[in-house]
Protein backbone atom coordinates (compact mmCIF):
# COMPACT_ATOMS: atom_id res chain seq x y z
CA UNK A 1 0.00 0.00 0.00
CA UNK A 2 1.84 3.04 -1.26
CA UNK A 3 1.11 6.33 0.48
CA UNK A 4 0.80 9.76 -0.95
CA UNK A 5 2.15 12.61 1.14
CA UNK A 6 0.41 13.63 4.35
CA UNK A 7 -2.61 15.83 3.93
CA UNK A 8 -2.21 19.56 4.60
CA UNK A 9 -4.02 21.31 7.44
CA UNK A 10 -6.12 23.21 4.88
CA UNK A 11 -7.38 19.97 3.34
CA UNK A 12 -8.07 18.48 6.77
CA UNK A 13 -10.00 21.63 7.70
CA UNK A 14 -12.06 21.26 4.51
CA UNK A 15 -12.72 17.62 5.42
CA UNK A 16 -13.82 18.58 8.93
CA UNK A 17 -16.28 21.10 7.49
CA UNK A 18 -17.57 18.67 4.84
CA UNK A 19 -18.03 15.76 7.25
CA UNK A 20 -19.72 17.94 9.87
CA UNK A 21 -22.13 19.23 7.22
CA UNK A 22 -22.77 15.66 6.12
CA UNK A 23 -23.37 14.37 9.65
CA UNK A 24 -25.18 17.36 11.22
CA UNK A 25 -26.04 19.78 8.42
CA UNK A 26 -23.97 22.46 10.17
CA UNK A 27 -20.45 23.79 10.23
CA UNK A 28 -18.23 22.69 13.11
CA UNK A 29 -16.72 25.08 15.63
CA UNK A 30 -13.04 25.98 15.31
CA UNK A 31 -12.31 23.73 18.28
CA UNK A 32 -13.90 20.75 16.52
CA UNK A 33 -11.87 21.44 13.37
CA UNK A 34 -8.67 21.57 15.44
CA UNK A 35 -9.61 18.29 17.17
CA UNK A 36 -10.25 16.67 13.80
CA UNK A 37 -6.87 17.78 12.46
CA UNK A 38 -5.12 16.55 15.62
CA UNK A 39 -7.00 13.22 15.58
CA UNK A 40 -6.24 12.71 11.89
CA UNK A 41 -2.54 13.16 12.53
CA UNK A 42 -2.59 11.01 15.67
CA UNK A 43 -4.53 8.16 14.02
CA UNK A 44 -2.52 8.32 10.79
CA UNK A 45 -5.55 9.01 8.63
CA UNK A 46 -3.87 12.12 7.24
CA UNK A 47 -1.81 9.95 4.87
CA UNK A 48 -3.78 8.84 1.83
CA UNK A 49 -3.00 5.53 0.14
CA UNK A 50 -2.88 5.39 -3.63
CA UNK A 51 -5.97 3.16 -3.60
CA UNK A 52 -7.96 5.74 -1.57
CA UNK A 53 -6.61 8.85 -3.30
CA UNK A 54 -9.18 9.01 -6.14
CA UNK A 55 -12.13 8.64 -3.75
CA UNK A 56 -10.72 11.29 -1.42
CA UNK A 57 -9.89 13.71 -4.24
CA UNK A 58 -13.35 13.28 -5.75
CA UNK A 59 -15.13 13.78 -2.43
CA UNK A 60 -13.07 16.93 -1.77
CA UNK A 61 -13.91 18.35 -5.19
CA UNK A 62 -17.60 17.32 -4.94
CA UNK A 63 -18.72 17.31 -1.28
CA UNK A 64 -22.31 16.56 -2.30
CA UNK A 65 -21.13 13.03 -3.20
CA UNK A 66 -20.02 12.16 0.34
CA UNK A 67 -23.34 10.53 1.42
CA UNK A 68 -23.36 8.37 -1.72
CA UNK A 69 -19.70 7.39 -1.49
CA UNK A 70 -20.07 6.69 2.24
CA UNK A 71 -22.98 4.32 1.54
CA UNK A 72 -21.10 2.56 -1.25
CA UNK A 73 -17.81 2.11 0.59
CA UNK A 74 -19.71 1.14 3.73
CA UNK A 75 -21.09 -1.79 1.80
CA UNK A 76 -18.15 -2.66 -0.45
CA UNK A 77 -15.06 -1.32 1.35
CA UNK A 78 -15.82 -0.88 5.06
CA UNK A 79 -12.13 -0.22 5.83
CA UNK A 80 -11.88 2.63 3.30
CA UNK A 81 -10.18 5.82 4.43
CA UNK A 82 -13.35 7.83 3.78
CA UNK A 83 -15.22 5.74 6.37
CA UNK A 84 -12.40 6.10 8.91
CA UNK A 85 -12.44 9.87 8.49
CA UNK A 86 -16.24 10.09 8.82
CA UNK A 87 -16.18 7.85 11.93
CA UNK A 88 -13.47 10.03 13.42
CA UNK A 89 -15.51 13.17 12.87
CA UNK A 90 -18.65 11.51 14.23
CA UNK A 91 -16.81 10.49 17.40
CA UNK A 92 -15.45 14.01 17.88
CA UNK A 93 -18.86 15.60 17.35
CA UNK A 94 -20.61 13.11 19.61
CA UNK A 95 -18.11 13.75 22.42
CA UNK A 96 -18.53 17.52 22.19
CA UNK A 97 -21.12 19.09 24.51
CA UNK A 98 -22.06 21.45 21.66
CA UNK A 99 -23.37 18.63 19.47
CA UNK A 100 -24.37 15.76 21.76
CA UNK A 101 -28.09 16.50 21.39
CA UNK A 102 -27.82 15.41 17.76
CA UNK A 103 -26.68 11.94 18.86
CA UNK A 104 -28.97 11.33 21.83
CA UNK A 105 -32.20 9.39 21.29
CA UNK A 106 -35.41 11.38 21.00
CA UNK A 107 -38.77 10.29 22.31
CA UNK A 108 -40.92 9.24 19.37
CA UNK A 109 -44.27 7.51 19.10
CA UNK A 110 -44.14 3.97 17.68
CA UNK A 111 -45.83 5.14 14.47
CA UNK A 112 -43.37 8.02 14.01
CA UNK A 113 -40.52 5.64 14.71
CA UNK A 114 -41.86 3.21 12.09
CA UNK A 115 -42.13 5.95 9.45
CA UNK A 116 -38.66 7.22 10.30
CA UNK A 117 -37.28 3.68 9.96
CA UNK A 118 -38.95 3.23 6.56
CA UNK A 119 -37.68 6.64 5.39
CA UNK A 120 -34.13 5.89 6.57
CA UNK A 121 -34.14 2.50 4.82
CA UNK A 122 -35.34 4.06 1.57
CA UNK A 123 -32.79 6.86 1.66
CA UNK A 124 -29.99 4.41 2.50
CA UNK A 125 -31.05 2.27 -0.46
CA UNK A 126 -31.06 5.26 -2.79
CA UNK A 127 -27.63 6.34 -1.56
CA UNK A 128 -26.27 2.83 -2.21
CA UNK A 129 -27.90 2.64 -5.66
CA UNK A 130 -26.35 5.98 -6.63
CA UNK A 131 -23.09 5.46 -4.74
CA UNK A 132 -22.00 2.11 -6.14
CA UNK A 133 -21.89 3.21 -9.81
CA UNK A 134 -20.25 6.46 -8.68
CA UNK A 135 -17.59 4.48 -6.82
CA UNK A 136 -17.03 2.21 -9.84
CA UNK A 137 -16.61 5.23 -12.12
CA UNK A 138 -14.16 6.88 -9.71
CA UNK A 139 -12.16 3.67 -9.39
CA UNK A 140 -12.21 3.26 -13.18
CA UNK A 141 -10.82 6.74 -13.64
CA UNK A 142 -7.96 5.74 -11.33
CA UNK A 143 -6.70 3.23 -13.89
CA UNK A 144 -7.34 5.49 -16.90
C-alpha atoms as a PDB file:
ATOM      1  CA  UNK A   1       0.000   0.000   0.000  1.00  0.00           C
ATOM      2  CA  UNK A   2       1.843   3.044  -1.260  1.00  0.00           C
ATOM      3  CA  UNK A   3       1.108   6.326   0.484  1.00  0.00           C
ATOM      4  CA  UNK A   4       0.798   9.763  -0.954  1.00  0.00           C
ATOM      5  CA  UNK A   5       2.146  12.614   1.137  1.00  0.00           C
ATOM      6  CA  UNK A   6       0.408  13.628   4.348  1.00  0.00           C
ATOM      7  CA  UNK A   7      -2.612  15.829   3.934  1.00  0.00           C
ATOM      8  CA  UNK A   8      -2.212  19.558   4.601  1.00  0.00           C
ATOM      9  CA  UNK A   9      -4.020  21.313   7.444  1.00  0.00           C
ATOM     10  CA  UNK A  10      -6.125  23.212   4.880  1.00  0.00           C
ATOM     11  CA  UNK A  11      -7.381  19.969   3.336  1.00  0.00           C
ATOM     12  CA  UNK A  12      -8.072  18.475   6.770  1.00  0.00           C
ATOM     13  CA  UNK A  13     -10.000  21.633   7.698  1.00  0.00           C
ATOM     14  CA  UNK A  14     -12.059  21.263   4.508  1.00  0.00           C
ATOM     15  CA  UNK A  15     -12.719  17.617   5.415  1.00  0.00           C
ATOM     16  CA  UNK A  16     -13.819  18.581   8.928  1.00  0.00           C
ATOM     17  CA  UNK A  17     -16.277  21.097   7.491  1.00  0.00           C
ATOM     18  CA  UNK A  18     -17.568  18.668   4.841  1.00  0.00           C
ATOM     19  CA  UNK A  19     -18.029  15.762   7.254  1.00  0.00           C
ATOM     20  CA  UNK A  20     -19.721  17.941   9.865  1.00  0.00           C
ATOM     21  CA  UNK A  21     -22.126  19.233   7.221  1.00  0.00           C
ATOM     22  CA  UNK A  22     -22.771  15.660   6.117  1.00  0.00           C
ATOM     23  CA  UNK A  23     -23.372  14.374   9.646  1.00  0.00           C
ATOM     24  CA  UNK A  24     -25.176  17.356  11.224  1.00  0.00           C
ATOM     25  CA  UNK A  25     -26.039  19.783   8.424  1.00  0.00           C
ATOM     26  CA  UNK A  26     -23.968  22.460  10.174  1.00  0.00           C
ATOM     27  CA  UNK A  27     -20.450  23.793  10.233  1.00  0.00           C
ATOM     28  CA  UNK A  28     -18.230  22.687  13.110  1.00  0.00           C
ATOM     29  CA  UNK A  29     -16.724  25.075  15.626  1.00  0.00           C
ATOM     30  CA  UNK A  30     -13.040  25.983  15.307  1.00  0.00           C
ATOM     31  CA  UNK A  31     -12.306  23.733  18.282  1.00  0.00           C
ATOM     32  CA  UNK A  32     -13.896  20.754  16.522  1.00  0.00           C
ATOM     33  CA  UNK A  33     -11.871  21.443  13.368  1.00  0.00           C
ATOM     34  CA  UNK A  34      -8.673  21.568  15.443  1.00  0.00           C
ATOM     35  CA  UNK A  35      -9.610  18.293  17.170  1.00  0.00           C
ATOM     36  CA  UNK A  36     -10.247  16.674  13.802  1.00  0.00           C
ATOM     37  CA  UNK A  37      -6.871  17.778  12.465  1.00  0.00           C
ATOM     38  CA  UNK A  38      -5.121  16.549  15.617  1.00  0.00           C
ATOM     39  CA  UNK A  39      -6.997  13.216  15.583  1.00  0.00           C
ATOM     40  CA  UNK A  40      -6.243  12.713  11.885  1.00  0.00           C
ATOM     41  CA  UNK A  41      -2.538  13.161  12.525  1.00  0.00           C
ATOM     42  CA  UNK A  42      -2.585  11.007  15.667  1.00  0.00           C
ATOM     43  CA  UNK A  43      -4.527   8.162  14.016  1.00  0.00           C
ATOM     44  CA  UNK A  44      -2.517   8.318  10.793  1.00  0.00           C
ATOM     45  CA  UNK A  45      -5.548   9.014   8.633  1.00  0.00           C
ATOM     46  CA  UNK A  46      -3.866  12.116   7.240  1.00  0.00           C
ATOM     47  CA  UNK A  47      -1.808   9.949   4.874  1.00  0.00           C
ATOM     48  CA  UNK A  48      -3.776   8.838   1.827  1.00  0.00           C
ATOM     49  CA  UNK A  49      -2.997   5.535   0.138  1.00  0.00           C
ATOM     50  CA  UNK A  50      -2.881   5.385  -3.632  1.00  0.00           C
ATOM     51  CA  UNK A  51      -5.971   3.156  -3.597  1.00  0.00           C
ATOM     52  CA  UNK A  52      -7.963   5.743  -1.575  1.00  0.00           C
ATOM     53  CA  UNK A  53      -6.615   8.847  -3.297  1.00  0.00           C
ATOM     54  CA  UNK A  54      -9.176   9.012  -6.137  1.00  0.00           C
ATOM     55  CA  UNK A  55     -12.128   8.642  -3.747  1.00  0.00           C
ATOM     56  CA  UNK A  56     -10.718  11.294  -1.419  1.00  0.00           C
ATOM     57  CA  UNK A  57      -9.891  13.711  -4.238  1.00  0.00           C
ATOM     58  CA  UNK A  58     -13.355  13.275  -5.755  1.00  0.00           C
ATOM     59  CA  UNK A  59     -15.131  13.778  -2.426  1.00  0.00           C
ATOM     60  CA  UNK A  60     -13.066  16.932  -1.771  1.00  0.00           C
ATOM     61  CA  UNK A  61     -13.913  18.348  -5.190  1.00  0.00           C
ATOM     62  CA  UNK A  62     -17.596  17.325  -4.938  1.00  0.00           C
ATOM     63  CA  UNK A  63     -18.716  17.307  -1.276  1.00  0.00           C
ATOM     64  CA  UNK A  64     -22.311  16.559  -2.303  1.00  0.00           C
ATOM     65  CA  UNK A  65     -21.134  13.028  -3.201  1.00  0.00           C
ATOM     66  CA  UNK A  66     -20.020  12.165   0.344  1.00  0.00           C
ATOM     67  CA  UNK A  67     -23.338  10.528   1.416  1.00  0.00           C
ATOM     68  CA  UNK A  68     -23.361   8.367  -1.720  1.00  0.00           C
ATOM     69  CA  UNK A  69     -19.696   7.388  -1.492  1.00  0.00           C
ATOM     70  CA  UNK A  70     -20.070   6.692   2.235  1.00  0.00           C
ATOM     71  CA  UNK A  71     -22.977   4.324   1.540  1.00  0.00           C
ATOM     72  CA  UNK A  72     -21.096   2.564  -1.249  1.00  0.00           C
ATOM     73  CA  UNK A  73     -17.806   2.112   0.595  1.00  0.00           C
ATOM     74  CA  UNK A  74     -19.708   1.142   3.735  1.00  0.00           C
ATOM     75  CA  UNK A  75     -21.093  -1.790   1.800  1.00  0.00           C
ATOM     76  CA  UNK A  76     -18.147  -2.657  -0.450  1.00  0.00           C
ATOM     77  CA  UNK A  77     -15.057  -1.316   1.350  1.00  0.00           C
ATOM     78  CA  UNK A  78     -15.819  -0.877   5.060  1.00  0.00           C
ATOM     79  CA  UNK A  79     -12.132  -0.222   5.826  1.00  0.00           C
ATOM     80  CA  UNK A  80     -11.881   2.630   3.297  1.00  0.00           C
ATOM     81  CA  UNK A  81     -10.180   5.817   4.428  1.00  0.00           C
ATOM     82  CA  UNK A  82     -13.350   7.830   3.780  1.00  0.00           C
ATOM     83  CA  UNK A  83     -15.216   5.735   6.369  1.00  0.00           C
ATOM     84  CA  UNK A  84     -12.404   6.103   8.909  1.00  0.00           C
ATOM     85  CA  UNK A  85     -12.444   9.870   8.486  1.00  0.00           C
ATOM     86  CA  UNK A  86     -16.240  10.090   8.820  1.00  0.00           C
ATOM     87  CA  UNK A  87     -16.183   7.848  11.925  1.00  0.00           C
ATOM     88  CA  UNK A  88     -13.467  10.031  13.425  1.00  0.00           C
ATOM     89  CA  UNK A  89     -15.509  13.173  12.870  1.00  0.00           C
ATOM     90  CA  UNK A  90     -18.654  11.505  14.225  1.00  0.00           C
ATOM     91  CA  UNK A  91     -16.814  10.492  17.400  1.00  0.00           C
ATOM     92  CA  UNK A  92     -15.450  14.011  17.876  1.00  0.00           C
ATOM     93  CA  UNK A  93     -18.865  15.599  17.347  1.00  0.00           C
ATOM     94  CA  UNK A  94     -20.606  13.106  19.613  1.00  0.00           C
ATOM     95  CA  UNK A  95     -18.108  13.747  22.423  1.00  0.00           C
ATOM     96  CA  UNK A  96     -18.530  17.522  22.195  1.00  0.00           C
ATOM     97  CA  UNK A  97     -21.119  19.090  24.511  1.00  0.00           C
ATOM     98  CA  UNK A  98     -22.060  21.446  21.659  1.00  0.00           C
ATOM     99  CA  UNK A  99     -23.371  18.626  19.469  1.00  0.00           C
ATOM    100  CA  UNK A 100     -24.373  15.761  21.765  1.00  0.00           C
ATOM    101  CA  UNK A 101     -28.094  16.504  21.386  1.00  0.00           C
ATOM    102  CA  UNK A 102     -27.820  15.407  17.758  1.00  0.00           C
ATOM    103  CA  UNK A 103     -26.677  11.944  18.855  1.00  0.00           C
ATOM    104  CA  UNK A 104     -28.967  11.332  21.835  1.00  0.00           C
ATOM    105  CA  UNK A 105     -32.196   9.395  21.291  1.00  0.00           C
ATOM    106  CA  UNK A 106     -35.413  11.375  20.997  1.00  0.00           C
ATOM    107  CA  UNK A 107     -38.772  10.294  22.308  1.00  0.00           C
ATOM    108  CA  UNK A 108     -40.919   9.242  19.374  1.00  0.00           C
ATOM    109  CA  UNK A 109     -44.269   7.514  19.099  1.00  0.00           C
ATOM    110  CA  UNK A 110     -44.139   3.972  17.683  1.00  0.00           C
ATOM    111  CA  UNK A 111     -45.829   5.144  14.474  1.00  0.00           C
ATOM    112  CA  UNK A 112     -43.374   8.021  14.005  1.00  0.00           C
ATOM    113  CA  UNK A 113     -40.520   5.640  14.709  1.00  0.00           C
ATOM    114  CA  UNK A 114     -41.855   3.206  12.089  1.00  0.00           C
ATOM    115  CA  UNK A 115     -42.134   5.950   9.454  1.00  0.00           C
ATOM    116  CA  UNK A 116     -38.664   7.224  10.298  1.00  0.00           C
ATOM    117  CA  UNK A 117     -37.279   3.685   9.955  1.00  0.00           C
ATOM    118  CA  UNK A 118     -38.949   3.235   6.558  1.00  0.00           C
ATOM    119  CA  UNK A 119     -37.683   6.638   5.394  1.00  0.00           C
ATOM    120  CA  UNK A 120     -34.129   5.887   6.574  1.00  0.00           C
ATOM    121  CA  UNK A 121     -34.138   2.504   4.820  1.00  0.00           C
ATOM    122  CA  UNK A 122     -35.341   4.061   1.574  1.00  0.00           C
ATOM    123  CA  UNK A 123     -32.785   6.864   1.664  1.00  0.00           C
ATOM    124  CA  UNK A 124     -29.994   4.406   2.498  1.00  0.00           C
ATOM    125  CA  UNK A 125     -31.048   2.267  -0.465  1.00  0.00           C
ATOM    126  CA  UNK A 126     -31.063   5.258  -2.789  1.00  0.00           C
ATOM    127  CA  UNK A 127     -27.629   6.335  -1.564  1.00  0.00           C
ATOM    128  CA  UNK A 128     -26.273   2.826  -2.211  1.00  0.00           C
ATOM    129  CA  UNK A 129     -27.897   2.642  -5.664  1.00  0.00           C
ATOM    130  CA  UNK A 130     -26.349   5.984  -6.634  1.00  0.00           C
ATOM    131  CA  UNK A 131     -23.087   5.464  -4.739  1.00  0.00           C
ATOM    132  CA  UNK A 132     -21.998   2.106  -6.144  1.00  0.00           C
ATOM    133  CA  UNK A 133     -21.889   3.214  -9.810  1.00  0.00           C
ATOM    134  CA  UNK A 134     -20.249   6.463  -8.684  1.00  0.00           C
ATOM    135  CA  UNK A 135     -17.587   4.483  -6.819  1.00  0.00           C
ATOM    136  CA  UNK A 136     -17.034   2.205  -9.839  1.00  0.00           C
ATOM    137  CA  UNK A 137     -16.613   5.229 -12.117  1.00  0.00           C
ATOM    138  CA  UNK A 138     -14.164   6.879  -9.712  1.00  0.00           C
ATOM    139  CA  UNK A 139     -12.163   3.666  -9.391  1.00  0.00           C
ATOM    140  CA  UNK A 140     -12.211   3.265 -13.178  1.00  0.00           C
ATOM    141  CA  UNK A 141     -10.819   6.743 -13.639  1.00  0.00           C
ATOM    142  CA  UNK A 142      -7.956   5.739 -11.334  1.00  0.00           C
ATOM    143  CA  UNK A 143      -6.705   3.234 -13.890  1.00  0.00           C
ATOM    144  CA  UNK A 144      -7.339   5.488 -16.898  1.00  0.00           C
END
